[in-house]
N, C-alpha and C. Protein backbone atom coordinates (compact mmCIF):
# COMPACT_ATOMS: atom_id res chain seq x y z
N MET A 1 34.68 87.47 21.37
CA MET A 1 35.25 86.94 22.62
C MET A 1 35.85 85.48 22.22
N HIS A 2 36.76 84.76 23.01
CA HIS A 2 37.35 83.05 22.55
C HIS A 2 37.16 82.95 24.07
N LEU A 3 37.15 81.46 23.78
CA LEU A 3 36.96 80.57 24.31
C LEU A 3 38.10 79.43 24.79
N ILE A 4 39.01 79.60 25.48
CA ILE A 4 40.25 79.15 25.41
C ILE A 4 40.32 77.74 26.47
N THR A 5 40.35 76.59 25.72
CA THR A 5 40.33 75.01 26.82
C THR A 5 41.51 74.58 26.64
N THR A 6 41.86 74.48 27.54
CA THR A 6 43.41 73.46 27.56
C THR A 6 42.98 72.09 28.63
N TRP A 7 43.80 71.01 28.02
CA TRP A 7 43.50 69.72 28.75
C TRP A 7 44.54 69.06 28.96
N LYS A 8 44.45 68.29 29.75
CA LYS A 8 45.62 67.12 29.95
C LYS A 8 44.85 65.74 29.72
N SER A 9 45.55 65.20 29.44
CA SER A 9 45.13 63.77 28.86
C SER A 9 45.11 62.91 30.46
N ARG A 10 43.72 62.16 31.11
CA ARG A 10 43.75 60.75 32.41
C ARG A 10 44.34 59.54 31.43
N PRO A 11 45.18 58.79 32.33
CA PRO A 11 45.15 57.59 32.04
C PRO A 11 44.02 56.84 31.40
N LEU A 12 43.75 56.17 30.21
CA LEU A 12 42.79 55.45 29.81
C LEU A 12 43.09 54.20 29.42
N SER A 13 42.08 53.11 29.49
CA SER A 13 42.56 51.95 28.92
C SER A 13 42.00 51.94 27.54
N PRO A 14 42.46 51.13 27.11
CA PRO A 14 41.95 50.92 25.30
C PRO A 14 40.43 50.87 24.92
N ALA A 15 39.75 50.49 26.02
CA ALA A 15 38.37 50.50 25.81
C ALA A 15 37.95 51.65 26.27
N GLN A 16 38.56 52.67 27.28
CA GLN A 16 38.06 54.20 27.55
C GLN A 16 38.46 55.04 26.46
N PHE A 17 39.78 54.49 25.84
CA PHE A 17 40.06 55.57 24.87
C PHE A 17 39.17 55.52 23.28
N ASP A 18 38.74 54.40 23.19
CA ASP A 18 37.42 54.27 22.00
C ASP A 18 36.10 55.08 22.38
N ARG A 19 36.00 54.52 23.98
CA ARG A 19 34.50 55.75 24.20
C ARG A 19 34.83 57.05 23.96
N LEU A 20 36.38 57.99 24.72
CA LEU A 20 36.27 58.78 24.34
C LEU A 20 36.64 59.18 22.84
N MET A 21 36.68 58.38 21.76
CA MET A 21 36.76 58.73 20.79
C MET A 21 35.26 59.04 19.99
N THR A 22 34.46 58.16 20.38
CA THR A 22 33.08 57.77 20.15
C THR A 22 32.10 59.38 20.70
N VAL A 23 32.38 59.99 21.74
CA VAL A 23 31.71 60.67 22.39
C VAL A 23 32.46 62.13 22.29
N TRP A 24 33.83 62.09 21.60
CA TRP A 24 34.31 63.31 21.35
C TRP A 24 33.76 63.83 20.06
N GLY A 25 33.68 62.60 19.38
CA GLY A 25 33.39 62.63 17.80
C GLY A 25 31.75 63.57 17.76
N LYS A 26 31.11 62.84 18.61
CA LYS A 26 29.26 63.88 18.75
C LYS A 26 29.94 64.99 19.14
N LEU A 27 30.72 64.95 19.93
CA LEU A 27 30.57 66.58 20.88
C LEU A 27 31.01 67.72 19.43
N GLU A 28 32.34 66.98 18.70
CA GLU A 28 32.26 68.07 17.66
C GLU A 28 31.62 67.87 16.47
N GLU A 29 30.91 67.29 16.52
CA GLU A 29 29.67 66.96 14.86
C GLU A 29 28.65 68.56 15.72
N ARG A 30 28.20 68.41 16.79
CA ARG A 30 27.24 69.09 17.53
C ARG A 30 27.52 70.07 17.48
N THR A 31 28.71 70.63 17.91
CA THR A 31 29.78 71.92 18.24
C THR A 31 29.69 72.55 16.62
N ALA A 32 30.09 72.19 15.33
CA ALA A 32 30.14 71.91 14.59
C ALA A 32 28.89 72.86 14.08
N ALA A 33 27.61 72.34 14.37
CA ALA A 33 26.62 72.49 13.73
C ALA A 33 25.92 73.87 14.21
N ASP A 34 26.50 74.46 15.32
CA ASP A 34 25.83 75.43 16.11
C ASP A 34 26.77 77.00 15.92
N SER A 35 25.69 77.26 14.87
CA SER A 35 25.65 78.97 14.62
C SER A 35 26.81 79.79 15.78
N SER A 36 26.72 79.54 16.91
CA SER A 36 27.01 80.31 18.37
C SER A 36 28.13 80.48 18.63
N GLY A 37 28.93 80.08 17.66
CA GLY A 37 30.31 79.66 18.06
C GLY A 37 31.12 79.06 16.82
N GLU A 38 32.40 79.04 16.55
CA GLU A 38 33.45 78.90 15.92
C GLU A 38 35.07 78.31 15.87
N ARG A 39 35.24 77.10 15.39
CA ARG A 39 36.69 76.66 16.62
C ARG A 39 37.71 77.29 15.59
N VAL A 40 38.66 77.83 16.10
CA VAL A 40 39.46 78.93 15.70
C VAL A 40 41.20 77.78 15.46
N CYS A 41 41.00 77.15 16.59
CA CYS A 41 42.07 76.59 16.44
C CYS A 41 42.13 75.01 17.04
N TRP A 42 43.03 74.16 17.31
CA TRP A 42 42.90 72.96 17.86
C TRP A 42 44.46 72.21 17.63
N PHE A 43 45.16 72.43 19.02
CA PHE A 43 46.46 71.28 19.02
C PHE A 43 46.29 70.27 19.88
N GLN A 44 47.22 69.39 19.51
CA GLN A 44 47.64 68.11 20.49
C GLN A 44 49.03 68.48 20.69
N PHE A 45 49.19 68.47 21.75
CA PHE A 45 50.60 68.34 22.35
C PHE A 45 51.48 67.15 21.66
N SER A 46 52.62 67.09 21.27
CA SER A 46 53.39 65.84 20.48
C SER A 46 53.68 65.30 21.34
N ASP A 47 53.22 65.31 22.67
CA ASP A 47 53.99 63.83 23.75
C ASP A 47 52.54 63.44 24.13
N GLY A 48 51.33 63.95 23.61
CA GLY A 48 49.78 63.20 23.87
C GLY A 48 49.81 63.72 25.14
N SER A 49 50.35 64.11 26.02
CA SER A 49 49.66 64.71 27.78
C SER A 49 48.77 65.70 27.52
N GLY A 50 48.48 66.14 26.47
CA GLY A 50 47.03 67.25 26.07
C GLY A 50 46.97 68.05 25.11
N GLY A 51 46.35 69.57 25.12
CA GLY A 51 46.39 69.90 24.09
C GLY A 51 45.35 71.27 24.47
N VAL A 52 45.05 72.26 23.29
CA VAL A 52 44.61 73.13 23.75
C VAL A 52 43.36 73.57 22.31
N THR A 53 42.57 73.89 22.62
CA THR A 53 41.26 74.46 21.79
C THR A 53 41.10 76.00 22.02
N ILE A 54 40.74 76.68 20.58
CA ILE A 54 40.33 78.25 20.84
C ILE A 54 39.02 77.98 19.73
N ASP A 55 37.96 78.50 20.74
CA ASP A 55 36.65 78.77 19.59
C ASP A 55 36.22 80.37 19.94
N LYS A 56 35.44 80.85 18.84
CA LYS A 56 35.28 81.87 18.94
C LYS A 56 34.00 81.87 19.04
N VAL A 57 33.31 82.61 20.13
CA VAL A 57 32.01 82.78 20.50
C VAL A 57 31.22 83.94 20.24
N LYS A 58 30.29 83.98 20.10
CA LYS A 58 29.27 84.85 20.01
C LYS A 58 28.90 86.33 20.96
N ASP A 59 28.55 85.27 22.13
CA ASP A 59 28.15 86.11 23.64
C ASP A 59 28.86 85.23 24.76
N VAL A 60 28.77 85.72 26.24
CA VAL A 60 29.13 84.84 27.33
C VAL A 60 28.08 83.90 27.19
N GLU A 61 26.96 83.52 27.04
CA GLU A 61 26.01 82.45 27.38
C GLU A 61 26.67 81.89 26.28
N ALA A 62 26.80 81.76 25.17
CA ALA A 62 27.47 80.87 24.04
C ALA A 62 28.78 80.79 24.94
N ALA A 63 29.46 81.17 25.53
CA ALA A 63 30.83 80.57 25.83
C ALA A 63 30.78 79.52 27.53
N LEU A 64 29.54 80.04 27.97
CA LEU A 64 29.27 79.58 29.30
C LEU A 64 28.47 78.14 28.86
N SER A 65 27.86 78.38 28.11
CA SER A 65 27.12 77.01 27.73
C SER A 65 28.39 76.16 26.58
N LEU A 66 29.22 76.44 26.11
CA LEU A 66 30.04 75.43 25.39
C LEU A 66 31.01 74.56 26.22
N GLY A 67 31.45 75.52 27.32
CA GLY A 67 32.56 74.99 28.32
C GLY A 67 31.78 74.32 29.37
N LEU A 68 30.45 74.49 30.06
CA LEU A 68 29.98 73.67 30.07
C LEU A 68 29.71 72.50 29.80
N GLU A 69 29.47 72.31 28.62
CA GLU A 69 29.27 71.07 27.74
C GLU A 69 30.30 70.44 27.35
N GLN A 70 31.83 70.92 27.20
CA GLN A 70 32.87 70.10 27.27
C GLN A 70 33.18 69.20 28.34
N SER A 71 32.85 70.21 29.19
CA SER A 71 33.61 70.03 30.37
C SER A 71 32.69 68.55 31.00
N LEU A 72 31.42 68.50 30.58
CA LEU A 72 30.40 67.15 31.21
C LEU A 72 30.66 66.64 30.02
N THR A 73 30.63 66.61 28.96
CA THR A 73 31.12 65.70 27.86
C THR A 73 32.25 64.67 28.35
N LEU A 74 33.32 65.47 28.40
CA LEU A 74 34.85 65.04 28.53
C LEU A 74 35.57 64.69 29.47
N GLY A 75 34.61 65.43 30.97
CA GLY A 75 35.65 65.35 32.19
C GLY A 75 36.45 63.82 32.54
N GLU A 76 35.00 62.98 32.28
CA GLU A 76 35.31 61.22 32.31
C GLU A 76 36.88 60.99 31.98
N PHE A 77 37.22 61.64 30.71
CA PHE A 77 38.58 61.50 29.94
C PHE A 77 39.66 62.66 30.16
N LEU A 78 39.35 63.72 30.39
CA LEU A 78 40.41 64.81 30.23
C LEU A 78 39.92 65.78 31.69
N GLU A 79 41.38 66.27 32.38
CA GLU A 79 41.36 67.33 32.81
C GLU A 79 40.97 68.90 32.25
N LEU A 80 40.01 69.25 32.38
CA LEU A 80 39.82 70.48 31.32
C LEU A 80 39.89 71.94 32.10
N ASP A 81 40.59 72.92 31.61
CA ASP A 81 40.70 74.21 32.17
C ASP A 81 40.13 75.10 31.07
N THR A 82 38.94 75.82 31.09
CA THR A 82 38.40 76.59 30.19
C THR A 82 38.19 78.23 30.59
N LYS A 83 39.03 78.90 29.95
CA LYS A 83 38.66 80.57 30.30
C LYS A 83 38.32 81.30 29.30
N ILE A 84 37.60 82.62 29.80
CA ILE A 84 37.28 83.47 28.14
C ILE A 84 38.37 84.33 28.11
N GLY A 85 38.98 84.30 26.76
CA GLY A 85 39.86 85.16 26.44
C GLY A 85 39.35 86.20 25.57
N LEU A 86 40.18 87.31 25.50
CA LEU A 86 39.55 88.59 25.04
C LEU A 86 40.59 88.80 23.87
N ASP A 87 40.57 89.32 22.38
CA ASP A 87 41.59 89.69 21.80
C ASP A 87 41.88 90.91 21.61
N LEU A 88 43.05 91.19 21.34
CA LEU A 88 43.79 92.79 21.75
C LEU A 88 43.12 93.99 21.24
N GLU A 89 41.54 93.62 20.56
CA GLU A 89 40.80 95.17 20.17
C GLU A 89 40.20 94.99 21.34
N SER A 90 39.28 94.02 21.80
CA SER A 90 38.62 94.20 22.90
C SER A 90 39.40 94.32 24.53
N SER A 91 41.06 94.21 24.36
CA SER A 91 41.21 94.22 25.54
C SER A 91 42.22 95.40 26.05
N LEU A 92 43.02 96.00 24.88
CA LEU A 92 43.57 96.93 24.86
C LEU A 92 43.17 98.16 25.83
N PRO A 93 41.76 98.29 25.61
CA PRO A 93 41.36 99.92 26.22
C PRO A 93 40.91 99.32 27.87
N VAL A 94 40.90 98.41 28.08
CA VAL A 94 41.12 98.06 29.14
C VAL A 94 42.44 98.36 30.00
N ILE A 95 43.08 97.20 29.46
CA ILE A 95 44.32 97.90 29.89
C ILE A 95 45.20 99.30 30.01
N ILE A 96 44.90 99.51 29.09
CA ILE A 96 44.99 101.19 28.90
C ILE A 96 44.52 101.96 30.11
N LYS A 97 43.23 102.05 30.48
CA LYS A 97 42.69 102.08 31.83
C LYS A 97 43.01 101.51 33.18
N ALA A 98 43.50 100.41 32.91
CA ALA A 98 44.20 100.03 34.13
C ALA A 98 45.27 100.71 34.38
N GLN A 99 46.41 100.49 33.17
CA GLN A 99 47.43 101.47 33.78
C GLN A 99 47.60 102.98 34.21
N GLU A 100 46.58 103.77 33.60
CA GLU A 100 46.30 104.95 34.23
C GLU A 100 45.87 104.87 35.37
N ASN A 101 44.95 104.00 35.83
CA ASN A 101 44.36 103.74 37.09
C ASN A 101 45.72 103.58 38.36
N ALA A 102 46.74 102.64 37.77
CA ALA A 102 47.92 102.27 38.66
C ALA A 102 48.87 103.21 38.85
N LYS A 103 48.30 104.74 37.68
CA LYS A 103 49.53 105.94 37.95
C LYS A 103 48.61 106.79 39.25
N GLY A 104 47.58 106.52 39.37
CA GLY A 104 46.94 107.01 40.70
C GLY A 104 45.91 108.33 40.28
């Protein structure tokens, strides 16, 4: 299971930006040490307006915990949208069932 987080940057003063970098660094350090998840990718949009991260988590509890921690830690600086994502192996059987259901 994956935790997919997109964010949009809020307007920040230079002091707020410095604080964001400090807070974010602490969050990244803690997240890297947590064995319940692993960062798959991190992208910043080239215009600086936001970005996306994808974390692989081992269960729903880890996903909810990481999503809540990110939101509470960074919400002052970023607008966050976090969703659970399933890889093709996990989602394809459900997609096939849905297709069968749609046929009646």
